[in-house]
Amino acid sequence: MEPTKTALIVGASGVIGKNLTNYLRSLPGWRVIGTSRKLLPGNVETVVVDLLDEADVVAQFAGLDTVTR
C-alpha cells in the first residue's frame, strides 16, 4: 500500500518519539520520517538536522511539502 499520510516525528530517538514511530510504522498508509542529530537505528527514514540551526532546517526540509502534525 502506498503511503497516503506523512508524519514527521521530532525527537524520534526519545522514548515517546521512538514509540510513536514504531506505532505509526505498524499502520498501513503512513510514511514516517524521524528527525535526529544522527541516523536512527533500524529501517527508519531519518532527516539528520540540527533544529537550532535555521539554515540547516530550511535545507533539510526543503522537499517535504505535506506533513501531518
Protein backbone atom coordinates (compact mmCIF):
# COMPACT_ATOMS: atom_id res chain seq x y z
CA MET A 1 0.00 0.00 0.00
CA GLU A 2 1.34 3.41 -0.99
CA PRO A 3 1.53 5.85 1.97
CA THR A 4 -1.20 8.48 1.95
CA LYS A 5 -0.19 10.31 5.14
CA THR A 6 3.20 11.56 6.32
CA ALA A 7 4.21 12.05 9.95
CA LEU A 8 7.33 14.00 10.87
CA ILE A 9 8.41 12.87 14.33
CA VAL A 10 10.60 15.45 16.05
CA GLY A 11 12.62 13.70 18.74
CA ALA A 12 12.25 10.26 17.17
CA SER A 13 15.19 8.93 19.20
CA GLY A 14 13.49 9.72 22.54
CA VAL A 15 11.17 7.45 24.48
CA ILE A 16 7.88 8.90 23.22
CA GLY A 17 9.16 9.57 19.70
CA LYS A 18 10.54 6.05 19.33
CA ASN A 19 7.23 4.50 20.44
CA LEU A 20 5.19 6.79 18.18
CA THR A 21 7.48 5.99 15.25
CA ASN A 22 7.08 2.25 15.78
CA TYR A 23 3.32 2.56 16.21
CA LEU A 24 2.73 4.61 13.06
CA ARG A 25 5.04 2.37 11.03
CA SER A 26 2.86 -0.59 12.02
CA LEU A 27 -0.23 1.08 10.48
CA PRO A 28 -0.98 0.95 6.76
CA GLY A 29 -0.82 4.16 4.77
CA TRP A 30 1.76 6.04 6.85
CA ARG A 31 5.14 7.38 5.77
CA VAL A 32 7.07 8.07 8.96
CA ILE A 33 10.08 10.41 9.00
CA GLY A 34 12.11 10.85 12.16
CA THR A 35 14.33 13.81 12.95
CA SER A 36 17.54 13.40 14.87
CA ARG A 37 21.06 14.80 15.06
CA LYS A 38 22.28 11.38 13.88
CA LEU A 39 20.88 8.48 11.86
CA LEU A 40 18.20 6.49 13.65
CA PRO A 41 18.73 2.74 14.06
CA GLY A 42 16.76 0.24 12.02
CA ASN A 43 14.91 0.96 8.85
CA VAL A 44 13.58 4.39 9.86
CA GLU A 45 13.60 7.22 7.33
CA THR A 46 15.67 9.89 9.05
CA VAL A 47 16.29 13.57 8.45
CA VAL A 48 19.56 14.41 10.17
CA VAL A 49 19.16 18.01 11.25
CA ASP A 50 20.18 20.46 13.96
CA LEU A 51 16.86 22.08 14.89
CA LEU A 52 18.71 25.02 16.47
CA ASP A 53 20.26 25.92 13.10
CA GLU A 54 17.64 27.69 10.96
CA ALA A 55 19.63 27.31 7.73
CA ASP A 56 20.03 23.56 8.34
CA VAL A 57 16.28 23.17 9.00
CA VAL A 58 15.37 25.04 5.80
CA ALA A 59 17.85 23.00 3.75
CA GLN A 60 16.85 19.61 5.17
CA PHE A 61 13.09 20.11 4.89
CA ALA A 62 13.04 21.90 1.52
CA GLY A 63 11.49 18.92 -0.32
CA LEU A 64 8.96 17.99 2.35
CA ASP A 65 5.62 19.52 1.42
CA THR A 66 2.83 17.60 3.18
CA VAL A 67 3.10 16.54 6.83
CA THR A 68 0.54 15.52 9.43
CA ARG A 69 1.36 17.02 12.83
